[in-house]
C-alpha atoms as a PDB file:
ATOM      1  CA  UNK A   1      25.600  -0.447   2.663  1.00  0.00           C
ATOM      2  CA  UNK A   2      25.894   0.789  -0.980  1.00  0.00           C
ATOM      3  CA  UNK A   3      23.021   2.302  -2.850  1.00  0.00           C
ATOM      4  CA  UNK A   4      23.820  -0.344  -5.977  1.00  0.00           C
ATOM      5  CA  UNK A   5      23.227  -3.811  -3.729  1.00  0.00           C
ATOM      6  CA  UNK A   6      20.804  -4.917  -1.383  1.00  0.00           C
ATOM      7  CA  UNK A   7      19.570  -8.268   0.090  1.00  0.00           C
ATOM      8  CA  UNK A   8      17.387 -10.281  -1.710  1.00  0.00           C
ATOM      9  CA  UNK A   9      14.045 -11.241   0.246  1.00  0.00           C
ATOM     10  CA  UNK A  10      14.004 -14.442  -1.512  1.00  0.00           C
ATOM     11  CA  UNK A  11      17.623 -15.771  -1.450  1.00  0.00           C
ATOM     12  CA  UNK A  12      19.078 -13.684   1.280  1.00  0.00           C
ATOM     13  CA  UNK A  13      21.873 -12.755  -0.249  1.00  0.00           C
ATOM     14  CA  UNK A  14      23.879  -9.425  -0.882  1.00  0.00           C
ATOM     15  CA  UNK A  15      23.262  -9.791  -4.921  1.00  0.00           C
ATOM     16  CA  UNK A  16      20.044  -7.577  -5.783  1.00  0.00           C
ATOM     17  CA  UNK A  17      21.501  -4.792  -8.041  1.00  0.00           C
ATOM     18  CA  UNK A  18      20.217  -1.596  -8.491  1.00  0.00           C
ATOM     19  CA  UNK A  19      18.485  -0.966 -12.281  1.00  0.00           C
ATOM     20  CA  UNK A  20      16.923   1.948 -13.312  1.00  0.00           C
ATOM     21  CA  UNK A  21      14.381   2.357 -10.805  1.00  0.00           C
ATOM     22  CA  UNK A  22      14.065  -1.054  -9.223  1.00  0.00           C
ATOM     23  CA  UNK A  23      16.419  -3.891  -8.273  1.00  0.00           C
ATOM     24  CA  UNK A  24      17.174  -7.219  -9.818  1.00  0.00           C
ATOM     25  CA  UNK A  25      18.769 -10.139  -7.907  1.00  0.00           C
ATOM     26  CA  UNK A  26      21.799 -11.528  -9.714  1.00  0.00           C
ATOM     27  CA  UNK A  27      21.559 -14.769  -7.809  1.00  0.00           C
ATOM     28  CA  UNK A  28      17.753 -15.774  -8.124  1.00  0.00           C
ATOM     29  CA  UNK A  29      17.012 -13.537 -10.993  1.00  0.00           C
ATOM     30  CA  UNK A  30      13.834 -12.203  -9.516  1.00  0.00           C
ATOM     31  CA  UNK A  31      13.212  -8.540 -10.287  1.00  0.00           C
ATOM     32  CA  UNK A  32      11.575  -6.055  -8.088  1.00  0.00           C
ATOM     33  CA  UNK A  33      10.210  -2.209  -8.300  1.00  0.00           C
ATOM     34  CA  UNK A  34      11.489  -0.611  -5.588  1.00  0.00           C
ATOM     35  CA  UNK A  35      13.956  -1.137  -2.932  1.00  0.00           C
ATOM     36  CA  UNK A  36      13.583  -1.081   0.922  1.00  0.00           C
ATOM     37  CA  UNK A  37      14.963   1.221   3.303  1.00  0.00           C
ATOM     38  CA  UNK A  38      14.326   0.464   6.830  1.00  0.00           C
ATOM     39  CA  UNK A  39      14.241   3.183   9.762  1.00  0.00           C
ATOM     40  CA  UNK A  40      13.877   1.722  12.937  1.00  0.00           C
ATOM     41  CA  UNK A  41      14.046   4.991  15.086  1.00  0.00           C
ATOM     42  CA  UNK A  42      11.080   6.769  16.964  1.00  0.00           C
ATOM     43  CA  UNK A  43      11.720  10.257  17.559  1.00  0.00           C
ATOM     44  CA  UNK A  44       9.688  11.120  20.947  1.00  0.00           C
ATOM     45  CA  UNK A  45       8.896   9.282  23.923  1.00  0.00           C
ATOM     46  CA  UNK A  46       7.605   5.815  24.251  1.00  0.00           C
ATOM     47  CA  UNK A  47       7.807   5.113  20.684  1.00  0.00           C
ATOM     48  CA  UNK A  48       9.685   1.525  20.936  1.00  0.00           C
ATOM     49  CA  UNK A  49       6.452  -0.358  19.150  1.00  0.00           C
ATOM     50  CA  UNK A  50       7.093   1.968  16.423  1.00  0.00           C
ATOM     51  CA  UNK A  51      10.681   1.286  15.828  1.00  0.00           C
ATOM     52  CA  UNK A  52      10.415  -2.335  16.137  1.00  0.00           C
ATOM     53  CA  UNK A  53       7.575  -2.127  13.356  1.00  0.00           C
ATOM     54  CA  UNK A  54      10.799  -1.518  10.886  1.00  0.00           C
ATOM     55  CA  UNK A  55      11.541  -5.070  11.087  1.00  0.00           C
ATOM     56  CA  UNK A  56       8.521  -6.292   9.361  1.00  0.00           C
ATOM     57  CA  UNK A  57       9.228  -8.544   6.620  1.00  0.00           C
ATOM     58  CA  UNK A  58       8.438  -6.805   3.419  1.00  0.00           C
ATOM     59  CA  UNK A  59       8.774  -8.265   0.138  1.00  0.00           C
ATOM     60  CA  UNK A  60      11.626  -5.947  -1.534  1.00  0.00           C
ATOM     61  CA  UNK A  61      15.509  -5.858  -1.713  1.00  0.00           C
ATOM     62  CA  UNK A  62      16.607  -4.217   1.499  1.00  0.00           C
ATOM     63  CA  UNK A  63      19.006  -1.436   0.462  1.00  0.00           C
ATOM     64  CA  UNK A  64      19.736  -0.016   4.157  1.00  0.00           C
ATOM     65  CA  UNK A  65      19.143   0.314   7.349  1.00  0.00           C
ATOM     66  CA  UNK A  66      19.593   3.649   8.964  1.00  0.00           C
ATOM     67  CA  UNK A  67      19.834   4.085  12.811  1.00  0.00           C
ATOM     68  CA  UNK A  68      21.852   7.158  13.428  1.00  0.00           C
ATOM     69  CA  UNK A  69      22.058   9.271  17.058  1.00  0.00           C
ATOM     70  CA  UNK A  70      20.444  12.234  15.934  1.00  0.00           C
ATOM     71  CA  UNK A  71      17.509  13.136  13.730  1.00  0.00           C
ATOM     72  CA  UNK A  72      19.795  15.271  11.315  1.00  0.00           C
ATOM     73  CA  UNK A  73      22.302  12.453  11.085  1.00  0.00           C
ATOM     74  CA  UNK A  74      19.308  10.389  10.173  1.00  0.00           C
ATOM     75  CA  UNK A  75      18.140  12.684   7.184  1.00  0.00           C
ATOM     76  CA  UNK A  76      21.116  12.876   5.718  1.00  0.00           C
ATOM     77  CA  UNK A  77      21.972   8.946   5.778  1.00  0.00           C
ATOM     78  CA  UNK A  78      18.289   8.056   4.326  1.00  0.00           C
ATOM     79  CA  UNK A  79      18.748  10.535   1.888  1.00  0.00           C
ATOM     80  CA  UNK A  80      22.080   9.334   0.661  1.00  0.00           C
ATOM     81  CA  UNK A  81      21.000   5.733   0.697  1.00  0.00           C
ATOM     82  CA  UNK A  82      17.886   6.276  -0.605  1.00  0.00           C
ATOM     83  CA  UNK A  83      17.278   3.621  -3.539  1.00  0.00           C
ATOM     84  CA  UNK A  84      15.871   5.193  -7.202  1.00  0.00           C
ATOM     85  CA  UNK A  85      12.388   3.997  -5.907  1.00  0.00           C
ATOM     86  CA  UNK A  86      12.268   3.894  -2.739  1.00  0.00           C
ATOM     87  CA  UNK A  87       9.844   1.870   0.060  1.00  0.00           C
ATOM     88  CA  UNK A  88      10.909   3.320   3.473  1.00  0.00           C
ATOM     89  CA  UNK A  89       9.571   1.528   6.417  1.00  0.00           C
ATOM     90  CA  UNK A  90       9.863   3.208   9.890  1.00  0.00           C
ATOM     91  CA  UNK A  91       9.515   4.042  12.914  1.00  0.00           C
ATOM     92  CA  UNK A  92       7.787   7.353  13.161  1.00  0.00           C
ATOM     93  CA  UNK A  93       6.966  10.108  10.408  1.00  0.00           C
ATOM     94  CA  UNK A  94      10.600  11.683  10.712  1.00  0.00           C
ATOM     95  CA  UNK A  95      11.560   8.382   8.677  1.00  0.00           C
ATOM     96  CA  UNK A  96       9.734  10.304   5.435  1.00  0.00           C
ATOM     97  CA  UNK A  97      11.543  13.863   5.841  1.00  0.00           C
ATOM     98  CA  UNK A  98      15.381  12.328   4.499  1.00  0.00           C
ATOM     99  CA  UNK A  99      13.151  10.650   1.879  1.00  0.00           C
ATOM    100  CA  UNK A 100      11.295  13.671   0.853  1.00  0.00           C
ATOM    101  CA  UNK A 101      14.373  15.944   0.664  1.00  0.00           C
ATOM    102  CA  UNK A 102      16.916  13.304  -1.562  1.00  0.00           C
ATOM    103  CA  UNK A 103      13.612  12.995  -4.211  1.00  0.00           C
ATOM    104  CA  UNK A 104      13.181  16.653  -3.922  1.00  0.00           C
ATOM    105  CA  UNK A 105      16.986  17.451  -5.070  1.00  0.00           C
ATOM    106  CA  UNK A 106      16.536  14.570  -7.617  1.00  0.00           C
ATOM    107  CA  UNK A 107      13.457  15.799  -9.288  1.00  0.00           C
ATOM    108  CA  UNK A 108      13.546  19.324  -8.175  1.00  0.00           C
ATOM    109  CA  UNK A 109       9.685  19.692  -7.499  1.00  0.00           C
ATOM    110  CA  UNK A 110       7.580  17.001  -6.123  1.00  0.00           C
ATOM    111  CA  UNK A 111       4.566  16.303  -4.581  1.00  0.00           C
ATOM    112  CA  UNK A 112       3.535  14.793  -1.303  1.00  0.00           C
ATOM    113  CA  UNK A 113       0.577  12.904   0.033  1.00  0.00           C
ATOM    114  CA  UNK A 114       0.743  12.818   3.582  1.00  0.00           C
ATOM    115  CA  UNK A 115      -1.593  10.140   4.781  1.00  0.00           C
ATOM    116  CA  UNK A 116      -1.985  10.959   8.737  1.00  0.00           C
ATOM    117  CA  UNK A 117      -4.756  11.121  11.457  1.00  0.00           C
ATOM    118  CA  UNK A 118      -2.601  14.131  12.923  1.00  0.00           C
ATOM    119  CA  UNK A 119      -0.849  17.264  11.096  1.00  0.00           C
ATOM    120  CA  UNK A 120       2.332  16.687  12.132  1.00  0.00           C
ATOM    121  CA  UNK A 121       2.743  20.399  11.714  1.00  0.00           C
ATOM    122  CA  UNK A 122       3.838  21.149  14.821  1.00  0.00           C
ATOM    123  CA  UNK A 123       6.894  23.131  15.648  1.00  0.00           C
ATOM    124  CA  UNK A 124       9.126  22.858  18.994  1.00  0.00           C
ATOM    125  CA  UNK A 125       7.436  26.090  20.250  1.00  0.00           C
ATOM    126  CA  UNK A 126       3.488  24.974  19.429  1.00  0.00           C
ATOM    127  CA  UNK A 127       4.092  21.391  19.958  1.00  0.00           C
ATOM    128  CA  UNK A 128       1.914  19.997  23.296  1.00  0.00           C
ATOM    129  CA  UNK A 129       4.373  17.011  23.833  1.00  0.00           C
ATOM    130  CA  UNK A 130       7.597  17.631  22.424  1.00  0.00           C
ATOM    131  CA  UNK A 131       7.866  14.707  20.523  1.00  0.00           C
ATOM    132  CA  UNK A 132       9.595  15.656  17.119  1.00  0.00           C
ATOM    133  CA  UNK A 133       7.381  12.624  15.602  1.00  0.00           C
ATOM    134  CA  UNK A 134       4.576  15.378  15.593  1.00  0.00           C
ATOM    135  CA  UNK A 135       6.642  17.924  13.224  1.00  0.00           C
ATOM    136  CA  UNK A 136       7.965  16.182  10.058  1.00  0.00           C
ATOM    137  CA  UNK A 137       5.825  17.326   7.943  1.00  0.00           C
ATOM    138  CA  UNK A 138       6.656  21.126   9.081  1.00  0.00           C
ATOM    139  CA  UNK A 139      10.242  20.555   8.789  1.00  0.00           C
ATOM    140  CA  UNK A 140       9.978  19.481   5.321  1.00  0.00           C
ATOM    141  CA  UNK A 141       7.458  22.837   4.541  1.00  0.00           C
ATOM    142  CA  UNK A 142       9.713  25.108   6.331  1.00  0.00           C
ATOM    143  CA  UNK A 143      13.271  24.119   4.891  1.00  0.00           C
ATOM    144  CA  UNK A 144      11.631  24.434   1.495  1.00  0.00           C
ATOM    145  CA  UNK A 145      12.147  20.577   0.693  1.00  0.00           C
ATOM    146  CA  UNK A 146       8.364  20.801  -0.624  1.00  0.00           C
ATOM    147  CA  UNK A 147       6.096  23.756  -0.945  1.00  0.00           C
ATOM    148  CA  UNK A 148       2.743  23.647   0.178  1.00  0.00           C
ATOM    149  CA  UNK A 149       0.889  24.330  -2.882  1.00  0.00           C
ATOM    150  CA  UNK A 150       2.218  20.626  -3.760  1.00  0.00           C
ATOM    151  CA  UNK A 151       1.011  18.845  -0.453  1.00  0.00           C
ATOM    152  CA  UNK A 152      -2.265  17.034   0.318  1.00  0.00           C
ATOM    153  CA  UNK A 153      -3.054  16.124   3.747  1.00  0.00           C
ATOM    154  CA  UNK A 154      -5.253  13.445   4.208  1.00  0.00           C
ATOM    155  CA  UNK A 155      -7.173  11.400   6.977  1.00  0.00           C
ATOM    156  CA  UNK A 156      -6.047  14.469   9.437  1.00  0.00           C
ATOM    157  CA  UNK A 157      -8.856  14.536  11.959  1.00  0.00           C
ATOM    158  CA  UNK A 158      -6.839  15.505  15.728  1.00  0.00           C
ATOM    159  CA  UNK A 159      -4.999  18.602  14.542  1.00  0.00           C
ATOM    160  CA  UNK A 160      -3.944  21.184  17.463  1.00  0.00           C
ATOM    161  CA  UNK A 161      -5.207  24.829  17.041  1.00  0.00           C
ATOM    162  CA  UNK A 162      -1.675  25.766  15.923  1.00  0.00           C
ATOM    163  CA  UNK A 163      -1.411  23.430  13.318  1.00  0.00           C
ATOM    164  CA  UNK A 164      -5.197  24.413  12.110  1.00  0.00           C
ATOM    165  CA  UNK A 165      -3.877  28.163  12.203  1.00  0.00           C
ATOM    166  CA  UNK A 166      -0.950  27.389   9.904  1.00  0.00           C
ATOM    167  CA  UNK A 167      -3.208  25.152   7.299  1.00  0.00           C
ATOM    168  CA  UNK A 168      -5.225  28.098   7.080  1.00  0.00           C
ATOM    169  CA  UNK A 169      -2.026  30.517   6.625  1.00  0.00           C
ATOM    170  CA  UNK A 170      -0.190  28.409   4.296  1.00  0.00           C
ATOM    171  CA  UNK A 171      -2.832  27.272   2.036  1.00  0.00           C
ATOM    172  CA  UNK A 172      -2.223  23.772   2.442  1.00  0.00           C
ATOM    173  CA  UNK A 173      -4.798  21.172   1.084  1.00  0.00           C
ATOM    174  CA  UNK A 174      -6.515  18.950   3.071  1.00  0.00           C
ATOM    175  CA  UNK A 175      -8.307  15.687   2.017  1.00  0.00           C
ATOM    176  CA  UNK A 176      -8.525  13.432  -0.746  1.00  0.00           C
ATOM    177  CA  UNK A 177      -9.799  16.294  -3.131  1.00  0.00           C
ATOM    178  CA  UNK A 178      -6.599  18.348  -2.572  1.00  0.00           C
ATOM    179  CA  UNK A 179      -4.231  15.462  -4.174  1.00  0.00           C
ATOM    180  CA  UNK A 180      -4.541  15.869  -7.767  1.00  0.00           C
ATOM    181  CA  UNK A 181      -3.952  19.955  -7.366  1.00  0.00           C
ATOM    182  CA  UNK A 182      -0.980  19.055  -5.210  1.00  0.00           C
ATOM    183  CA  UNK A 183       0.165  16.968  -8.591  1.00  0.00           C
ATOM    184  CA  UNK A 184      -0.192  19.861 -10.938  1.00  0.00           C
ATOM    185  CA  UNK A 185       3.549  20.652 -12.248  1.00  0.00           C
ATOM    186  CA  UNK A 186       5.361  18.805 -10.181  1.00  0.00           C
ATOM    187  CA  UNK A 187       7.558  15.694 -11.255  1.00  0.00           C
ATOM    188  CA  UNK A 188       5.481  13.272  -9.448  1.00  0.00           C
ATOM    189  CA  UNK A 189       5.029  12.115  -5.918  1.00  0.00           C
ATOM    190  CA  UNK A 190       6.107  10.734  -2.602  1.00  0.00           C
ATOM    191  CA  UNK A 191       3.246   9.115  -0.254  1.00  0.00           C
ATOM    192  CA  UNK A 192       3.483   9.039   3.177  1.00  0.00           C
ATOM    193  CA  UNK A 193       1.418   6.858   5.312  1.00  0.00           C
ATOM    194  CA  UNK A 194       0.608   6.602   8.833  1.00  0.00           C
ATOM    195  CA  UNK A 195      -1.337   3.885  10.181  1.00  0.00           C
ATOM    196  CA  UNK A 196      -3.293   5.719  11.911  1.00  0.00           C
ATOM    197  CA  UNK A 197      -5.106   7.336   8.995  1.00  0.00           C
ATOM    198  CA  UNK A 198      -6.913   4.371   8.680  1.00  0.00           C
ATOM    199  CA  UNK A 199      -9.888   3.076  10.377  1.00  0.00           C
ATOM    200  CA  UNK A 200      -9.108   1.334  13.555  1.00  0.00           C
ATOM    201  CA  UNK A 201     -10.382  -2.124  12.384  1.00  0.00           C
ATOM    202  CA  UNK A 202      -8.404  -2.139   9.212  1.00  0.00           C
ATOM    203  CA  UNK A 203      -4.685  -2.323  10.383  1.00  0.00           C
ATOM    204  CA  UNK A 204      -2.515  -2.253  13.667  1.00  0.00           C
ATOM    205  CA  UNK A 205      -1.676   1.369  14.337  1.00  0.00           C
ATOM    206  CA  UNK A 206       0.647   2.867  17.291  1.00  0.00           C
ATOM    207  CA  UNK A 207      -1.599   5.590  17.685  1.00  0.00           C
ATOM    208  CA  UNK A 208      -5.214   5.029  16.630  1.00  0.00           C
ATOM    209  CA  UNK A 209      -7.645   7.845  16.143  1.00  0.00           C
ATOM    210  CA  UNK A 210     -11.661   6.951  15.542  1.00  0.00           C
ATOM    211  CA  UNK A 211     -12.996   7.925  12.441  1.00  0.00           C
ATOM    212  CA  UNK A 212     -10.445   6.847  10.233  1.00  0.00           C
ATOM    213  CA  UNK A 213     -10.243   6.034   6.579  1.00  0.00           C
ATOM    214  CA  UNK A 214     -11.287   2.783   5.084  1.00  0.00           C
ATOM    215  CA  UNK A 215      -8.096   0.620   3.550  1.00  0.00           C
ATOM    216  CA  UNK A 216     -10.127  -0.151   0.237  1.00  0.00           C
ATOM    217  CA  UNK A 217     -10.796   3.489   0.080  1.00  0.00           C
ATOM    218  CA  UNK A 218      -7.200   4.558  -0.006  1.00  0.00           C
ATOM    219  CA  UNK A 219      -6.276   1.622  -2.452  1.00  0.00           C
ATOM    220  CA  UNK A 220      -8.717   3.407  -4.715  1.00  0.00           C
ATOM    221  CA  UNK A 221      -7.400   7.090  -4.035  1.00  0.00           C
ATOM    222  CA  UNK A 222      -3.563   5.899  -4.700  1.00  0.00           C
ATOM    223  CA  UNK A 223      -4.298   3.804  -7.647  1.00  0.00           C
ATOM    224  CA  UNK A 224      -6.425   6.645  -9.401  1.00  0.00           C
ATOM    225  CA  UNK A 225      -3.349   9.023  -8.369  1.00  0.00           C
ATOM    226  CA  UNK A 226      -0.914   7.002 -10.145  1.00  0.00           C
ATOM    227  CA  UNK A 227      -2.776   7.282 -13.144  1.00  0.00           C
ATOM    228  CA  UNK A 228      -2.289  10.905 -13.092  1.00  0.00           C
ATOM    229  CA  UNK A 229       1.683  11.073 -12.014  1.00  0.00           C
ATOM    230  CA  UNK A 230       4.762   8.849 -11.372  1.00  0.00           C
ATOM    231  CA  UNK A 231       4.884   7.547  -7.838  1.00  0.00           C
ATOM    232  CA  UNK A 232       8.442   8.425  -6.921  1.00  0.00           C
ATOM    233  CA  UNK A 233       8.420   6.662  -3.357  1.00  0.00           C
ATOM    234  CA  UNK A 234       6.355   5.787  -0.315  1.00  0.00           C
ATOM    235  CA  UNK A 235       6.982   4.893   3.355  1.00  0.00           C
ATOM    236  CA  UNK A 236       4.873   3.503   6.013  1.00  0.00           C
ATOM    237  CA  UNK A 237       5.126   4.616   9.370  1.00  0.00           C
ATOM    238  CA  UNK A 238       2.929   4.597  12.943  1.00  0.00           C
ATOM    239  CA  UNK A 239       2.404   0.964  12.759  1.00  0.00           C
ATOM    240  CA  UNK A 240       3.016  -1.753  15.149  1.00  0.00           C
ATOM    241  CA  UNK A 241       5.106  -4.762  14.575  1.00  0.00           C
ATOM    242  CA  UNK A 242       2.548  -7.102  14.139  1.00  0.00           C
ATOM    243  CA  UNK A 243       1.728  -9.703  11.046  1.00  0.00           C
ATOM    244  CA  UNK A 244      -1.574  -8.200  10.385  1.00  0.00           C
ATOM    245  CA  UNK A 245      -0.283  -4.901   9.004  1.00  0.00           C
ATOM    246  CA  UNK A 246       1.825  -6.829   6.025  1.00  0.00           C
ATOM    247  CA  UNK A 247      -1.283  -7.340   4.153  1.00  0.00           C
ATOM    248  CA  UNK A 248      -2.131  -3.689   4.173  1.00  0.00           C
ATOM    249  CA  UNK A 249       1.135  -2.677   3.062  1.00  0.00           C
ATOM    250  CA  UNK A 250       1.359  -5.027   0.422  1.00  0.00           C
ATOM    251  CA  UNK A 251      -2.570  -3.817  -1.061  1.00  0.00           C
ATOM    252  CA  UNK A 252      -1.210  -0.273  -0.829  1.00  0.00           C
ATOM    253  CA  UNK A 253       2.470  -0.783  -2.480  1.00  0.00           C
ATOM    254  CA  UNK A 254       0.266  -2.779  -5.267  1.00  0.00           C
ATOM    255  CA  UNK A 255      -2.420   0.036  -5.134  1.00  0.00           C
ATOM    256  CA  UNK A 256       0.741   2.463  -6.045  1.00  0.00           C
ATOM    257  CA  UNK A 257       2.414   0.529  -8.968  1.00  0.00           C
ATOM    258  CA  UNK A 258       5.153  -0.936  -6.560  1.00  0.00           C
END
């Protein structure tokens, strides 16, 4: 599917045309602040519910749906099809890799705000499960797509010992207080949101963890970050395919100016 056209969520025609950052539908005239990319894949065992969540109806033109046979092919296809200002809906957190790689290539240096109960910092050698969805942030750091100084890991509370060691060795910023430093000197940010970052009563997450962030708390954080640097893109992963998740996504995208 071309990056220049997308399916309008209102009239369901292939007539939403890319503008400088968003889209405008030539059939119904509606304008949108971003384009949607669906990634209905989960790279690990038992992630079918996460993959199904990528089909939830979001109020953005659908520019692409990425279903590849390998993670490497997924990353490349996502990078090639990524709108100028994307909303990515996964799937597992591996859905963010191609988006960050593409935005990093476009803007040279970007920040990543990674909201997740887990570190996603394992490698095949350190991962207890072997699931690739526990490795995407480490993949981005090891590849050089983003620098440790330009990353803020927010909401993490279930880290494996090798992940804790890596955070200390790399000097990775942790917590909301690390966000402002991560933005410094960058062209803007990509905000990766795994729903297990949140309190269990606020969202329906695939892998919920106790003690999560409040949805209203994160709204305020994202709105404040938006005032400090451009929001280049965002993505939502690790959620269940339940209608109750539509309101949290809508609130968070509004906070980001999408």
